Structure formats: C-alpha cells, structure tokens
C-alpha cells in the first residue's frame, strides 16, 4: 500500500520549480523514508542533496537535511547522535525564521527527550511545537500530540492520554501519514503491554490484559506489513516474547527471544536488555534448561549496571528473583525482590511528578483542538 503522504510529496516535487523548494521537499521525503525504515533510500537522497548544495549552502536545505539525518540515525539504531542533528535542525530553522520546521523539530526533540528522561525539557519542546505550529501543520502536531499521549500513558494515566492519542490520529490521518499511525499503534500497545507485565509481577495477574496486548501487537505486525514498514523490526517480536512469557507460553516466547535478541541489541534496545535476559532465563528454566537459565540470569544481573528505566529495572529484578528462588538461591532472591519493590516505588513517584509537570506545562493547550 503506497503512502498518501509519499504520493503527495512526489507530486509536489514534480511540480516545484525552485531548486531550494525541491531540495526541501526531497529532504522531507527522506524523513518519511527513514521513519519507515527504508534507511538506504533515505541516505541516498540526503547524500545527493549534500552534494548539490556543497558549494552554495542554503539555510532551509541545511535545516531539513539535519532533520533527515537525525531521523535516519534514530531509526537505524536509536543513536544518541540523532538528537544532536535534530537540535541543529531546530537551531537553523529558528535562525532562518522557518516557523513550520522549527515546530516540527521541537516536536521531534520532545520525542527524544522522553528517551533521555529529560521530562522538563520535553514539556518545553512540546509547548513550543503546539503553540508554534499552524492548525493544519499536521506533521508537527501529530508528533507532539503523540509524545504528550505517551508521556501521560507512561505516567499511568491512560484517561488523560486518550484525547491526545485521538488528536495525534486525526493529524496523521489528515496528512496521510501511515508511518505515524504505525508509531501510534506501537506506543499504545507497548505501554498497555508494560502495564500488563507490571500488574502480573507486582499485583493481581490479568491474563486478559496480556492477551489483549498480544492481539494489539499482532495488529501492528499486519499493519506494518501492509504499509511496508521496516523500521526497528525487533520491537514488536520482543514485546510479544515478553507478553508470551507472562502468558506462560514458554516455547513460543523463547523462540522469539532467540530469533530477535541480537537484532534488538543492534537496533539500540540495550536499555531493555535486563528484562529480555531475565524473561529468557525464566523461559529456559520452565523448559528444563537450568544451566542456560543461570547463564542468562547472571548476564541480566550484570546488565543492570548499565542505564535502565526504573520500571524495567523493577520488572527485571522481580523476574530474576523468581529465577534465583527456583535455582535454590533464596537469599539472592529476597534481595532482588526488595530492590524490585524499591525501584517500583521510585517509578510510581516519577509517574506522579510527570503528570503534574505535564498538567502545568500544557495547561493553556486544549487537547481537543491541539
């Protein structure tokens, strides 16, 4: 299925006569290709534009190229260099008074601020994007609304997230941006799946919530196949593997972990490594392989020394406690459970602070018209 947004961009490129306008549209096309995971095609476009404007740089072209390169970096391996390039696009578009690109860059910076857990800066960039984008600037508004929705949802308040999800969907549909609709589905499914896992590990297990999250992940797989998405292809299978672990479908979960683990690490999912390894250890243990389970558990504990989100740390340590107890290491299991409870409490505190930060920072923006 060919994207409506891509068709519109190709039509605009064919009609444009000004070389700078053509170049900016081509850079925007490269942004879309990067978001779909067609990184080699995006790189070819970007390199050609760099060559074309090497001797006579133009501010607008340079700004768009910085954004395209940032998204190419981000969707190849969630690279930290991506944010530097998007910051350059933000600065160049501001200096050149390119308000639409400035708003779009701010929205993408907010997206990357979430990954860096810089929530104060995220809210600043969100406000800039939503206050600065025209009502029909769908690309900036769809991205900013999605980030707001994700942030509220991550903070445990799905009711506040839903109107922002709806607004993001409205703008993406208006723009014909199927890649964004895929991202929206990914975000909702991922967070609902994460909530199902937290509930299963620390509260009353909900098999129905787990199964619903699995159904959502299967819908994403079908949708992505239909639109030709090739970006960060390990995300959904690894999410499914974790959910299948909680659903006690050990062979299917282990098969997905073994097939996609290396790709997940290559694509930049290192922060999730403790969770992946702990769940894989639990699957191996359930299937009678104590030796490999112990090796995965040891690797999971070692990976906890690296940066890891608090909720993921809590989940990984709770799962490792189960593994250690089954392996006869009761003292280590008790320590891991205590650390898991402490991390979960800290995560709940972060969630409360994030909701307050969002409420205050966006109090003058109505989600119904964002």
Protein backbone atom coordinates (compact mmCIF):
# COMPACT_ATOMS: atom_id res chain seq x y z
CA UNK A 1 0.00 0.00 0.00
CA UNK A 2 1.57 3.27 -1.12
CA UNK A 3 1.53 6.07 1.42
CA UNK A 4 -0.70 9.05 0.70
CA UNK A 5 1.93 11.30 2.25
CA UNK A 6 4.64 9.92 -0.03
CA UNK A 7 2.40 10.37 -3.07
CA UNK A 8 1.70 13.97 -2.07
CA UNK A 9 5.41 14.70 -1.62
CA UNK A 10 6.29 13.16 -5.00
CA UNK A 11 3.58 15.26 -6.69
CA UNK A 12 4.86 18.42 -5.01
CA UNK A 13 8.44 17.62 -6.04
CA UNK A 14 7.38 17.12 -9.66
CA UNK A 15 5.52 20.44 -9.72
CA UNK A 16 8.11 22.57 -7.90
CA UNK A 17 10.41 24.76 -10.00
CA UNK A 18 12.52 26.45 -7.33
CA UNK A 19 15.63 24.28 -6.60
CA UNK A 20 15.52 25.11 -2.89
CA UNK A 21 11.85 24.14 -2.64
CA UNK A 22 12.58 20.88 -4.47
CA UNK A 23 15.50 20.13 -2.14
CA UNK A 24 13.44 20.78 0.99
CA UNK A 25 10.66 18.51 -0.28
CA UNK A 26 13.20 15.79 -1.08
CA UNK A 27 14.65 16.10 2.43
CA UNK A 28 11.13 15.77 3.84
CA UNK A 29 10.75 12.66 1.69
CA UNK A 30 13.97 11.32 3.22
CA UNK A 31 12.49 11.92 6.69
CA UNK A 32 9.48 9.80 5.78
CA UNK A 33 11.62 7.02 4.32
CA UNK A 34 13.74 6.95 7.49
CA UNK A 35 10.64 6.67 9.67
CA UNK A 36 9.50 3.72 7.57
CA UNK A 37 12.87 2.06 7.96
CA UNK A 38 14.00 2.49 4.34
CA UNK A 39 17.29 3.89 5.56
CA UNK A 40 19.42 3.23 2.49
CA UNK A 41 16.95 5.08 0.26
CA UNK A 42 16.85 7.99 2.69
CA UNK A 43 20.65 8.10 2.82
CA UNK A 44 20.90 8.25 -0.99
CA UNK A 45 18.56 11.26 -1.06
CA UNK A 46 20.44 13.03 1.73
CA UNK A 47 23.86 12.42 0.16
CA UNK A 48 22.67 13.71 -3.21
CA UNK A 49 21.34 16.90 -1.62
CA UNK A 50 24.58 17.44 0.29
CA UNK A 51 26.49 17.17 -2.98
CA UNK A 52 24.11 19.52 -4.79
CA UNK A 53 24.41 22.25 -2.15
CA UNK A 54 28.02 21.68 -1.12
CA UNK A 55 29.32 24.89 -2.71
CA UNK A 56 26.25 27.06 -2.16
CA UNK A 57 24.62 26.06 1.14
CA UNK A 58 21.10 27.26 1.86
CA UNK A 59 19.75 27.60 5.41
CA UNK A 60 16.42 25.90 4.71
CA UNK A 61 18.05 22.98 2.92
CA UNK A 62 20.66 22.60 5.66
CA UNK A 63 17.96 22.59 8.33
CA UNK A 64 15.87 19.97 6.55
CA UNK A 65 18.94 17.82 5.91
CA UNK A 66 19.84 17.94 9.61
CA UNK A 67 16.37 16.69 10.50
CA UNK A 68 16.53 13.95 7.86
CA UNK A 69 19.94 12.81 9.10
CA UNK A 70 18.73 12.85 12.69
CA UNK A 71 15.75 10.64 11.89
CA UNK A 72 17.93 8.34 9.81
CA UNK A 73 20.24 7.90 12.80
CA UNK A 74 17.33 7.43 15.19
CA UNK A 75 15.53 4.78 13.17
CA UNK A 76 18.70 2.85 12.36
CA UNK A 77 19.83 2.22 15.95
CA UNK A 78 18.25 4.80 18.28
CA UNK A 79 21.56 6.64 18.14
CA UNK A 80 22.35 9.46 20.58
CA UNK A 81 23.79 11.38 17.62
CA UNK A 82 20.23 11.67 16.32
CA UNK A 83 19.33 14.26 18.93
CA UNK A 84 22.35 16.41 18.09
CA UNK A 85 21.30 16.53 14.45
CA UNK A 86 17.69 17.38 15.31
CA UNK A 87 18.94 20.10 17.67
CA UNK A 88 20.88 21.53 14.72
CA UNK A 89 17.72 21.49 12.59
CA UNK A 90 15.90 23.26 15.42
CA UNK A 91 18.60 25.94 15.74
CA UNK A 92 18.99 26.50 11.98
CA UNK A 93 15.24 26.76 11.41
CA UNK A 94 14.96 29.25 14.25
CA UNK A 95 17.81 31.40 12.92
CA UNK A 96 16.30 31.34 9.41
CA UNK A 97 12.76 32.09 10.70
CA UNK A 98 11.39 28.82 9.31
CA UNK A 99 8.49 28.51 11.76
CA UNK A 100 6.98 25.23 10.43
CA UNK A 101 10.30 23.39 10.51
CA UNK A 102 11.11 24.90 13.92
CA UNK A 103 7.83 23.49 15.29
CA UNK A 104 8.43 20.09 13.70
CA UNK A 105 11.98 19.95 15.06
CA UNK A 106 10.70 20.88 18.53
CA UNK A 107 8.19 18.02 18.36
CA UNK A 108 10.94 15.55 17.46
CA UNK A 109 13.18 16.91 20.22
CA UNK A 110 10.35 16.28 22.67
CA UNK A 111 10.16 12.72 21.35
CA UNK A 112 13.87 12.25 22.02
CA UNK A 113 13.69 14.00 25.40
CA UNK A 114 11.40 11.17 26.55
CA UNK A 115 14.06 8.60 25.66
CA UNK A 116 16.61 10.66 27.65
CA UNK A 117 14.21 11.05 30.59
CA UNK A 118 14.55 14.82 30.38
CA UNK A 119 10.89 15.48 31.13
CA UNK A 120 11.29 19.18 31.91
CA UNK A 121 12.83 19.86 28.52
CA UNK A 122 10.26 17.55 26.89
CA UNK A 123 7.40 19.72 28.16
CA UNK A 124 9.17 22.89 26.95
CA UNK A 125 9.61 21.44 23.47
CA UNK A 126 6.02 20.17 23.41
CA UNK A 127 4.68 23.60 24.29
CA UNK A 128 6.86 25.21 21.64
CA UNK A 129 5.66 22.76 18.98
CA UNK A 130 1.96 23.00 19.82
CA UNK A 131 2.00 26.78 20.31
CA UNK A 132 4.09 27.40 17.18
CA UNK A 133 2.53 25.01 14.67
CA UNK A 134 -0.30 26.20 12.44
CA UNK A 135 -3.61 24.35 12.90
CA UNK A 136 -3.03 22.43 9.67
CA UNK A 137 0.64 21.67 10.33
CA UNK A 138 -0.23 18.01 10.75
CA UNK A 139 3.27 16.55 10.92
CA UNK A 140 4.33 18.71 13.86
CA UNK A 141 1.03 18.36 15.68
CA UNK A 142 0.69 14.60 15.17
CA UNK A 143 4.18 14.03 16.62
CA UNK A 144 3.74 16.45 19.54
CA UNK A 145 0.32 15.03 20.44
CA UNK A 146 1.72 11.51 20.34
CA UNK A 147 4.51 12.47 22.73
CA UNK A 148 2.01 14.03 25.15
CA UNK A 149 -0.17 10.92 24.95
CA UNK A 150 2.82 8.65 25.51
CA UNK A 151 4.01 10.70 28.48
CA UNK A 152 0.61 10.64 30.22
CA UNK A 153 0.23 6.94 29.43
CA UNK A 154 3.74 6.17 30.71
CA UNK A 155 2.83 8.11 33.86
CA UNK A 156 -0.04 5.67 34.43
CA UNK A 157 -2.87 8.00 33.42
CA UNK A 158 -4.34 6.49 30.26
CA UNK A 159 -7.55 8.52 30.62
CA UNK A 160 -5.57 11.75 30.16
CA UNK A 161 -3.61 10.16 27.31
CA UNK A 162 -6.62 9.12 25.22
CA UNK A 163 -7.67 12.58 23.91
CA UNK A 164 -4.06 13.24 22.87
CA UNK A 165 -3.88 9.89 21.10
CA UNK A 166 -7.11 10.79 19.29
CA UNK A 167 -5.70 14.15 18.22
CA UNK A 168 -2.47 12.54 17.01
CA UNK A 169 -4.53 10.06 14.98
CA UNK A 170 -6.58 12.93 13.50
CA UNK A 171 -3.50 14.81 12.28
CA UNK A 172 -1.73 11.70 10.95
CA UNK A 173 -4.85 10.67 9.03
CA UNK A 174 -5.24 14.17 7.61
CA UNK A 175 -1.60 14.04 6.49
CA UNK A 176 -1.88 10.56 5.01
CA UNK A 177 1.00 9.53 7.26
CA UNK A 178 0.68 5.76 7.69
CA UNK A 179 4.14 5.53 9.28
CA UNK A 180 2.89 7.76 12.10
CA UNK A 181 -0.26 5.68 12.52
CA UNK A 182 2.01 2.67 12.96
CA UNK A 183 4.03 4.54 15.61
CA UNK A 184 0.81 5.42 17.42
CA UNK A 185 -0.23 1.76 17.48
CA UNK A 186 3.25 0.76 18.69
CA UNK A 187 3.15 3.24 21.57
CA UNK A 188 -0.27 2.24 22.82
CA UNK A 189 0.41 -1.49 22.57
CA UNK A 190 3.83 -1.20 24.19
CA UNK A 191 2.55 0.76 27.19
CA UNK A 192 -0.50 -1.44 27.66
CA UNK A 193 1.74 -4.48 27.46
CA UNK A 194 4.11 -2.95 30.01
CA UNK A 195 1.21 -2.24 32.35
CA UNK A 196 0.01 -5.85 31.98
CA UNK A 197 3.51 -7.07 32.87
CA UNK A 198 3.77 -4.78 35.92
CA UNK A 199 0.36 -5.94 37.12
CA UNK A 200 1.32 -9.58 36.64
CA UNK A 201 4.60 -9.20 38.57
CA UNK A 202 3.52 -6.88 41.38
CA UNK A 203 -0.25 -7.17 41.66
CA UNK A 204 -3.11 -9.36 40.58
CA UNK A 205 -2.23 -11.06 37.26
CA UNK A 206 -4.61 -10.25 34.42
CA UNK A 207 -4.38 -12.89 31.67
CA UNK A 208 -7.00 -10.96 29.70
CA UNK A 209 -4.88 -7.78 29.70
CA UNK A 210 -1.90 -9.79 28.49
CA UNK A 211 -3.91 -11.41 25.72
CA UNK A 212 -5.33 -8.04 24.62
CA UNK A 213 -1.81 -6.63 24.43
CA UNK A 214 -0.77 -9.63 22.32
CA UNK A 215 -3.70 -9.08 19.98
CA UNK A 216 -2.66 -5.43 19.61
CA UNK A 217 0.89 -6.49 18.74
CA UNK A 218 -0.43 -8.85 16.06
CA UNK A 219 -2.46 -5.98 14.58
CA UNK A 220 0.71 -3.89 14.38
CA UNK A 221 2.52 -6.69 12.55
CA UNK A 222 -0.25 -6.88 9.94
CA UNK A 223 -0.47 -3.10 9.56
CA UNK A 224 3.29 -2.69 9.19
CA UNK A 225 3.40 -5.44 6.58
CA UNK A 226 0.65 -3.67 4.66
CA UNK A 227 2.41 -0.28 4.57
CA UNK A 228 5.93 -1.66 4.10
CA UNK A 229 7.42 -0.56 7.44
CA UNK A 230 10.95 -1.83 8.02
CA UNK A 231 11.97 0.35 10.99
CA UNK A 232 13.17 -1.18 14.26
CA UNK A 233 11.73 -4.55 13.25
CA UNK A 234 12.69 -6.28 16.52
CA UNK A 235 10.44 -4.08 18.68
CA UNK A 236 7.19 -5.97 18.20
CA UNK A 237 8.59 -9.53 18.36
CA UNK A 238 10.49 -8.75 21.55
CA UNK A 239 7.37 -7.22 23.09
CA UNK A 240 5.45 -10.35 22.08
CA UNK A 241 8.15 -12.54 23.64
CA UNK A 242 7.77 -10.73 26.96
CA UNK A 243 3.98 -10.99 26.87
CA UNK A 244 4.11 -14.67 25.92
CA UNK A 245 6.40 -15.23 28.91
CA UNK A 246 3.73 -13.77 31.20
CA UNK A 247 1.11 -15.85 29.40
CA UNK A 248 3.16 -18.96 30.27
CA UNK A 249 3.72 -19.88 26.63
CA UNK A 250 7.37 -20.66 27.20
CA UNK A 251 8.38 -22.34 23.90
CA UNK A 252 6.90 -19.57 21.73
CA UNK A 253 8.43 -16.85 23.91
CA UNK A 254 11.87 -18.47 23.91
CA UNK A 255 11.79 -18.91 20.13
CA UNK A 256 11.15 -15.17 19.66
CA UNK A 257 13.84 -14.19 22.17
CA UNK A 258 16.43 -16.35 20.43
CA UNK A 259 15.44 -15.18 16.95
CA UNK A 260 15.34 -11.43 17.65
CA UNK A 261 17.60 -10.72 20.65
CA UNK A 262 20.74 -9.87 18.67
CA UNK A 263 18.77 -7.62 16.28
CA UNK A 264 17.20 -5.83 19.26
CA UNK A 265 20.63 -5.05 20.67
CA UNK A 266 21.85 -3.84 17.25
CA UNK A 267 18.79 -1.60 16.91
CA UNK A 268 19.52 0.20 20.18
CA UNK A 269 17.34 -1.62 22.71
CA UNK A 270 20.21 -2.07 25.17
CA UNK A 271 18.19 -0.42 27.95
CA UNK A 272 15.74 -3.32 27.77
CA UNK A 273 18.46 -5.97 27.97
CA UNK A 274 17.93 -6.88 31.66
CA UNK A 275 14.22 -7.53 31.05
CA UNK A 276 14.84 -9.58 27.93
CA UNK A 277 17.51 -11.73 29.59
CA UNK A 278 15.54 -12.23 32.82
CA UNK A 279 12.43 -13.34 30.93
CA UNK A 280 14.52 -15.58 28.70
CA UNK A 281 16.09 -17.16 31.78
CA UNK A 282 12.62 -17.83 33.19
CA UNK A 283 11.53 -19.46 29.91
CA UNK A 284 14.63 -21.68 29.85
CA UNK A 285 14.01 -22.70 33.45
CA UNK A 286 10.41 -23.62 32.73
CA UNK A 287 11.60 -25.75 29.82
CA UNK A 288 14.14 -27.60 31.96
CA UNK A 289 17.39 -25.90 30.95
CA UNK A 290 18.77 -24.75 34.32
CA UNK A 291 22.31 -24.26 33.01
CA UNK A 292 21.40 -21.74 30.30
CA UNK A 293 18.82 -20.15 32.60
CA UNK A 294 21.55 -19.48 35.18
CA UNK A 295 23.80 -18.01 32.47
CA UNK A 296 21.03 -15.67 31.27
CA UNK A 297 20.25 -14.66 34.86
CA UNK A 298 23.91 -13.82 35.50
CA UNK A 299 24.03 -11.76 32.28
CA UNK A 300 20.81 -9.98 33.26
CA UNK A 301 22.22 -9.00 36.65
CA UNK A 302 25.39 -7.71 35.00
CA UNK A 303 23.38 -5.64 32.51
CA UNK A 304 21.53 -3.94 35.38
CA UNK A 305 24.72 -1.92 35.94
CA UNK A 306 24.01 -0.13 32.65
CA UNK A 307 21.33 2.60 32.19
CA UNK A 308 17.86 1.12 32.55
CA UNK A 309 14.41 2.64 33.13
CA UNK A 310 13.10 2.22 36.67
CA UNK A 311 10.02 0.24 35.66
CA UNK A 312 12.17 -2.09 33.55
CA UNK A 313 14.64 -2.49 36.41
CA UNK A 314 11.78 -3.40 38.72
CA UNK A 315 10.40 -5.95 36.25
CA UNK A 316 13.81 -7.47 35.55
CA UNK A 317 14.67 -7.84 39.24
CA UNK A 318 11.28 -9.29 40.10
CA UNK A 319 11.69 -11.88 37.36
CA UNK A 320 15.28 -12.62 38.42
CA UNK A 321 14.04 -13.18 41.98
CA UNK A 322 11.77 -15.93 40.65
CA UNK A 323 14.65 -17.46 38.71
CA UNK A 324 17.04 -17.36 41.68
CA UNK A 325 14.48 -18.85 44.03
CA UNK A 326 13.87 -21.73 41.62
CA UNK A 327 17.65 -22.24 41.38
CA UNK A 328 17.85 -22.54 45.17
CA UNK A 329 19.39 -19.13 45.87
CA UNK A 330 16.81 -17.88 48.38
CA UNK A 331 18.95 -15.07 49.86
CA UNK A 332 19.72 -13.59 46.44
CA UNK A 333 16.04 -13.89 45.51
CA UNK A 334 14.99 -11.94 48.62
CA UNK A 335 17.49 -9.14 47.87
CA UNK A 336 16.25 -8.89 44.28
CA UNK A 337 12.61 -8.70 45.42
CA UNK A 338 13.46 -5.87 47.82
CA UNK A 339 15.29 -3.96 45.09
CA UNK A 340 12.40 -4.53 42.70
CA UNK A 341 9.88 -3.11 45.21
CA UNK A 342 12.13 -0.11 45.84
CA UNK A 343 12.50 0.60 42.10
CA UNK A 344 8.76 0.24 41.58
CA UNK A 345 8.08 2.74 44.39
CA UNK A 346 10.55 5.18 42.82
CA UNK A 347 8.88 4.67 39.44
CA UNK A 348 5.46 5.46 40.93
CA UNK A 349 6.90 8.67 42.36
CA UNK A 350 8.28 9.61 38.94
CA UNK A 351 4.87 8.98 37.41
CA UNK A 352 3.16 11.36 39.83
CA UNK A 353 5.74 14.08 39.16
CA UNK A 354 5.40 13.62 35.40
CA UNK A 355 1.61 14.05 35.46
CA UNK A 356 2.00 17.26 37.49
CA UNK A 357 4.68 18.52 35.09
CA UNK A 358 2.50 17.86 32.04
CA UNK A 359 -0.60 19.39 33.62
CA UNK A 360 1.27 22.58 34.50
CA UNK A 361 3.33 22.89 31.31
CA UNK A 362 0.40 22.33 28.92
CA UNK A 363 -2.39 23.95 30.93
CA UNK A 364 -3.04 26.55 28.21
CA UNK A 365 -3.36 23.96 25.39
CA UNK A 366 -6.65 22.17 24.84
CA UNK A 367 -6.19 18.57 23.67
CA UNK A 368 -9.50 18.75 21.81
CA UNK A 369 -8.04 21.34 19.42
CA UNK A 370 -4.30 20.67 19.67
